Amino acid sequence: LGLNDRIINSKEEVDKIDINNKIDYESVNKKLDELRKDSLEWLYKALGD
């Protein structure tokens, strides 16, 4: 989704995050829509249409 730079694995990493870096929500939502579509297609196939 392009948000890997937002992952925090420890409290020491909190200060390393650039919170001023804007999230491109349009891009994120587009990718989520594609993943939802793929998930539904997989589910329909798994259930036998």
PDB file of N, CA and C in Angstrom:
ATOM      1  N   LEU A   1       0.808  -1.207   0.000  1.00  0.00           N
ATOM      2  CA  LEU A   1       0.000   0.000   0.000  1.00  0.00           C
ATOM      3  C   LEU A   1       0.846   1.264   0.000  1.00  0.00           C
ATOM      4  N   GLY A   2       2.138   1.070   0.055  1.00  0.00           N
ATOM      5  CA  GLY A   2       3.024   2.226   0.061  1.00  0.00           C
ATOM      6  C   GLY A   2       3.143   2.901   1.414  1.00  0.00           C
ATOM      7  N   LEU A   3       2.858   2.154   2.472  1.00  0.00           N
ATOM      8  CA  LEU A   3       2.899   2.726   3.817  1.00  0.00           C
ATOM      9  C   LEU A   3       3.973   2.079   4.688  1.00  0.00           C
ATOM     10  N   ASN A   4       4.908   1.390   4.077  1.00  0.00           N
ATOM     11  CA  ASN A   4       5.944   0.688   4.834  1.00  0.00           C
ATOM     12  C   ASN A   4       6.770   1.618   5.703  1.00  0.00           C
ATOM     13  N   ASP A   5       6.902   2.865   5.296  1.00  0.00           N
ATOM     14  CA  ASP A   5       7.686   3.806   6.097  1.00  0.00           C
ATOM     15  C   ASP A   5       6.957   4.221   7.375  1.00  0.00           C
ATOM     16  N   ARG A   6       5.729   3.768   7.541  1.00  0.00           N
ATOM     17  CA  ARG A   6       4.926   4.094   8.730  1.00  0.00           C
ATOM     18  C   ARG A   6       4.928   2.970   9.763  1.00  0.00           C
ATOM     19  N   ILE A   7       5.564   1.860   9.456  1.00  0.00           N
ATOM     20  CA  ILE A   7       5.587   0.729  10.377  1.00  0.00           C
ATOM     21  C   ILE A   7       6.536   1.021  11.534  1.00  0.00           C
ATOM     22  N   ILE A   8       6.045   0.785  12.735  1.00  0.00           N
ATOM     23  CA  ILE A   8       6.855   0.986  13.939  1.00  0.00           C
ATOM     24  C   ILE A   8       6.966  -0.358  14.649  1.00  0.00           C
ATOM     25  N   ASN A   9       8.185  -0.847  14.798  1.00  0.00           N
ATOM     26  CA  ASN A   9       8.414  -2.130  15.452  1.00  0.00           C
ATOM     27  C   ASN A   9       8.893  -1.992  16.889  1.00  0.00           C
ATOM     28  N   SER A  10       9.305  -0.815  17.266  1.00  0.00           N
ATOM     29  CA  SER A  10       9.752  -0.594  18.641  1.00  0.00           C
ATOM     30  C   SER A  10       9.555   0.877  18.992  1.00  0.00           C
ATOM     31  N   LYS A  11       9.551   1.170  20.262  1.00  0.00           N
ATOM     32  CA  LYS A  11       9.331   2.557  20.685  1.00  0.00           C
ATOM     33  C   LYS A  11      10.482   3.464  20.262  1.00  0.00           C
ATOM     34  N   GLU A  12      11.657   2.894  20.030  1.00  0.00           N
ATOM     35  CA  GLU A  12      12.799   3.688  19.579  1.00  0.00           C
ATOM     36  C   GLU A  12      12.600   4.220  18.159  1.00  0.00           C
ATOM     37  N   GLU A  13      11.780   3.538  17.379  1.00  0.00           N
ATOM     38  CA  GLU A  13      11.547   3.938  15.994  1.00  0.00           C
ATOM     39  C   GLU A  13      10.554   5.084  15.853  1.00  0.00           C
ATOM     40  N   VAL A  14       9.842   5.404  16.903  1.00  0.00           N
ATOM     41  CA  VAL A  14       8.818   6.451  16.840  1.00  0.00           C
ATOM     42  C   VAL A  14       9.418   7.780  16.403  1.00  0.00           C
ATOM     43  N   ASP A  15      10.566   8.133  16.935  1.00  0.00           N
ATOM     44  CA  ASP A  15      11.194   9.413  16.601  1.00  0.00           C
ATOM     45  C   ASP A  15      11.729   9.455  15.175  1.00  0.00           C
ATOM     46  N   LYS A  16      11.883   8.311  14.532  1.00  0.00           N
ATOM     47  CA  LYS A  16      12.429   8.251  13.177  1.00  0.00           C
ATOM     48  C   LYS A  16      11.369   8.471  12.105  1.00  0.00           C
ATOM     49  N   ILE A  17      10.105   8.412  12.479  1.00  0.00           N
ATOM     50  CA  ILE A  17       9.016   8.548  11.521  1.00  0.00           C
ATOM     51  C   ILE A  17       8.822  10.020  11.161  1.00  0.00           C
ATOM     52  N   ASP A  18       8.715  10.288   9.873  1.00  0.00           N
ATOM     53  CA  ASP A  18       8.446  11.651   9.412  1.00  0.00           C
ATOM     54  C   ASP A  18       6.934  11.812   9.279  1.00  0.00           C
ATOM     55  N   ILE A  19       6.303  12.345  10.318  1.00  0.00           N
ATOM     56  CA  ILE A  19       4.847  12.471  10.309  1.00  0.00           C
ATOM     57  C   ILE A  19       4.366  13.576   9.374  1.00  0.00           C
ATOM     58  N   ASN A  20       5.281  14.386   8.887  1.00  0.00           N
ATOM     59  CA  ASN A  20       4.911  15.434   7.938  1.00  0.00           C
ATOM     60  C   ASN A  20       4.799  14.899   6.519  1.00  0.00           C
ATOM     61  N   ASN A  21       5.275  13.682   6.303  1.00  0.00           N
ATOM     62  CA  ASN A  21       5.179  13.040   5.000  1.00  0.00           C
ATOM     63  C   ASN A  21       3.717  12.658   4.769  1.00  0.00           C
ATOM     64  N   LYS A  22       3.097  13.285   3.791  1.00  0.00           N
ATOM     65  CA  LYS A  22       1.671  13.080   3.530  1.00  0.00           C
ATOM     66  C   LYS A  22       1.410  11.691   2.958  1.00  0.00           C
ATOM     67  N   ILE A  23       0.279  11.117   3.342  1.00  0.00           N
ATOM     68  CA  ILE A  23      -0.159   9.838   2.798  1.00  0.00           C
ATOM     69  C   ILE A  23      -1.016  10.117   1.574  1.00  0.00           C
ATOM     70  N   ASP A  24      -0.712   9.431   0.484  1.00  0.00           N
ATOM     71  CA  ASP A  24      -1.497   9.557  -0.743  1.00  0.00           C
ATOM     72  C   ASP A  24      -2.697   8.610  -0.632  1.00  0.00           C
ATOM     73  N   TYR A  25      -3.764   9.100  -0.010  1.00  0.00           N
ATOM     74  CA  TYR A  25      -4.928   8.257   0.253  1.00  0.00           C
ATOM     75  C   TYR A  25      -5.608   7.796  -1.030  1.00  0.00           C
ATOM     76  N   GLU A  26      -5.525   8.576  -2.076  1.00  0.00           N
ATOM     77  CA  GLU A  26      -6.119   8.160  -3.347  1.00  0.00           C
ATOM     78  C   GLU A  26      -5.443   6.884  -3.847  1.00  0.00           C
ATOM     79  N   SER A  27      -4.128   6.854  -3.772  1.00  0.00           N
ATOM     80  CA  SER A  27      -3.365   5.678  -4.184  1.00  0.00           C
ATOM     81  C   SER A  27      -3.637   4.493  -3.260  1.00  0.00           C
ATOM     82  N   VAL A  28      -3.664   4.746  -1.964  1.00  0.00           N
ATOM     83  CA  VAL A  28      -3.929   3.685  -0.987  1.00  0.00           C
ATOM     84  C   VAL A  28      -5.311   3.090  -1.222  1.00  0.00           C
ATOM     85  N   ASN A  29      -6.309   3.930  -1.401  1.00  0.00           N
ATOM     86  CA  ASN A  29      -7.676   3.445  -1.615  1.00  0.00           C
ATOM     87  C   ASN A  29      -7.800   2.664  -2.916  1.00  0.00           C
ATOM     88  N   LYS A  30      -7.087   3.088  -3.943  1.00  0.00           N
ATOM     89  CA  LYS A  30      -7.112   2.360  -5.213  1.00  0.00           C
ATOM     90  C   LYS A  30      -6.533   0.957  -5.028  1.00  0.00           C
ATOM     91  N   LYS A  31      -5.416   0.862  -4.330  1.00  0.00           N
ATOM     92  CA  LYS A  31      -4.801  -0.445  -4.074  1.00  0.00           C
ATOM     93  C   LYS A  31      -5.710  -1.317  -3.211  1.00  0.00           C
ATOM     94  N   LEU A  32      -6.348  -0.715  -2.206  1.00  0.00           N
ATOM     95  CA  LEU A  32      -7.274  -1.471  -1.365  1.00  0.00           C
ATOM     96  C   LEU A  32      -8.454  -1.998  -2.171  1.00  0.00           C
ATOM     97  N   ASP A  33      -8.981  -1.189  -3.080  1.00  0.00           N
ATOM     98  CA  ASP A  33     -10.079  -1.631  -3.940  1.00  0.00           C
ATOM     99  C   ASP A  33      -9.663  -2.831  -4.782  1.00  0.00           C
ATOM    100  N   GLU A  34      -8.445  -2.791  -5.332  1.00  0.00           N
ATOM    101  CA  GLU A  34      -7.946  -3.907  -6.130  1.00  0.00           C
ATOM    102  C   GLU A  34      -7.796  -5.163  -5.278  1.00  0.00           C
ATOM    103  N   LEU A  35      -7.280  -5.004  -4.068  1.00  0.00           N
ATOM    104  CA  LEU A  35      -7.120  -6.150  -3.172  1.00  0.00           C
ATOM    105  C   LEU A  35      -8.474  -6.725  -2.757  1.00  0.00           C
ATOM    106  N   ARG A  36      -9.454  -5.865  -2.527  1.00  0.00           N
ATOM    107  CA  ARG A  36     -10.800  -6.339  -2.183  1.00  0.00           C
ATOM    108  C   ARG A  36     -11.393  -7.133  -3.336  1.00  0.00           C
ATOM    109  N   LYS A  37     -11.219  -6.623  -4.551  1.00  0.00           N
ATOM    110  CA  LYS A  37     -11.733  -7.307  -5.741  1.00  0.00           C
ATOM    111  C   LYS A  37     -11.086  -8.683  -5.872  1.00  0.00           C
ATOM    112  N   ASP A  38      -9.769  -8.743  -5.734  1.00  0.00           N
ATOM    113  CA  ASP A  38      -9.056 -10.019  -5.819  1.00  0.00           C
ATOM    114  C   ASP A  38      -9.523 -10.981  -4.731  1.00  0.00           C
ATOM    115  N   SER A  39      -9.744 -10.467  -3.536  1.00  0.00           N
ATOM    116  CA  SER A  39     -10.193 -11.306  -2.421  1.00  0.00           C
ATOM    117  C   SER A  39     -11.576 -11.882  -2.685  1.00  0.00           C
ATOM    118  N   LEU A  40     -12.470 -11.067  -3.203  1.00  0.00           N
ATOM    119  CA  LEU A  40     -13.816 -11.554  -3.515  1.00  0.00           C
ATOM    120  C   LEU A  40     -13.784 -12.601  -4.618  1.00  0.00           C
ATOM    121  N   GLU A  41     -12.965 -12.379  -5.641  1.00  0.00           N
ATOM    122  CA  GLU A  41     -12.842 -13.364  -6.715  1.00  0.00           C
ATOM    123  C   GLU A  41     -12.328 -14.687  -6.170  1.00  0.00           C
ATOM    124  N   TRP A  42     -11.322 -14.624  -5.292  1.00  0.00           N
ATOM    125  CA  TRP A  42     -10.776 -15.838  -4.693  1.00  0.00           C
ATOM    126  C   TRP A  42     -11.842 -16.553  -3.868  1.00  0.00           C
ATOM    127  N   LEU A  43     -12.601 -15.793  -3.101  1.00  0.00           N
ATOM    128  CA  LEU A  43     -13.638 -16.370  -2.253  1.00  0.00           C
ATOM    129  C   LEU A  43     -14.722 -17.046  -3.087  1.00  0.00           C
ATOM    130  N   TYR A  44     -15.172 -16.383  -4.150  1.00  0.00           N
ATOM    131  CA  TYR A  44     -16.185 -16.981  -5.022  1.00  0.00           C
ATOM    132  C   TYR A  44     -15.689 -18.289  -5.627  1.00  0.00           C
ATOM    133  N   LYS A  45     -14.436 -18.304  -6.074  1.00  0.00           N
ATOM    134  CA  LYS A  45     -13.866 -19.532  -6.641  1.00  0.00           C
ATOM    135  C   LYS A  45     -13.756 -20.622  -5.580  1.00  0.00           C
ATOM    136  N   ALA A  46     -13.349 -20.254  -4.379  1.00  0.00           N
ATOM    137  CA  ALA A  46     -13.191 -21.229  -3.298  1.00  0.00           C
ATOM    138  C   ALA A  46     -14.533 -21.834  -2.891  1.00  0.00           C
ATOM    139  N   LEU A  47     -15.594 -21.046  -3.010  1.00  0.00           N
ATOM    140  CA  LEU A  47     -16.925 -21.527  -2.646  1.00  0.00           C
ATOM    141  C   LEU A  47     -17.641 -22.188  -3.815  1.00  0.00           C
ATOM    142  N   GLY A  48     -17.021 -22.190  -4.979  1.00  0.00           N
ATOM    143  CA  GLY A  48     -17.613 -22.848  -6.139  1.00  0.00           C
ATOM    144  C   GLY A  48     -18.646 -22.009  -6.851  1.00  0.00           C
ATOM    145  N   ASP A  49     -18.416 -20.707  -6.906  1.00  0.00           N
ATOM    146  CA  ASP A  49     -19.300 -19.733  -7.558  1.00  0.00           C
ATOM    147  C   ASP A  49     -20.625 -19.776  -6.872  1.00  0.00           C
TER     148      ASP A  49
END
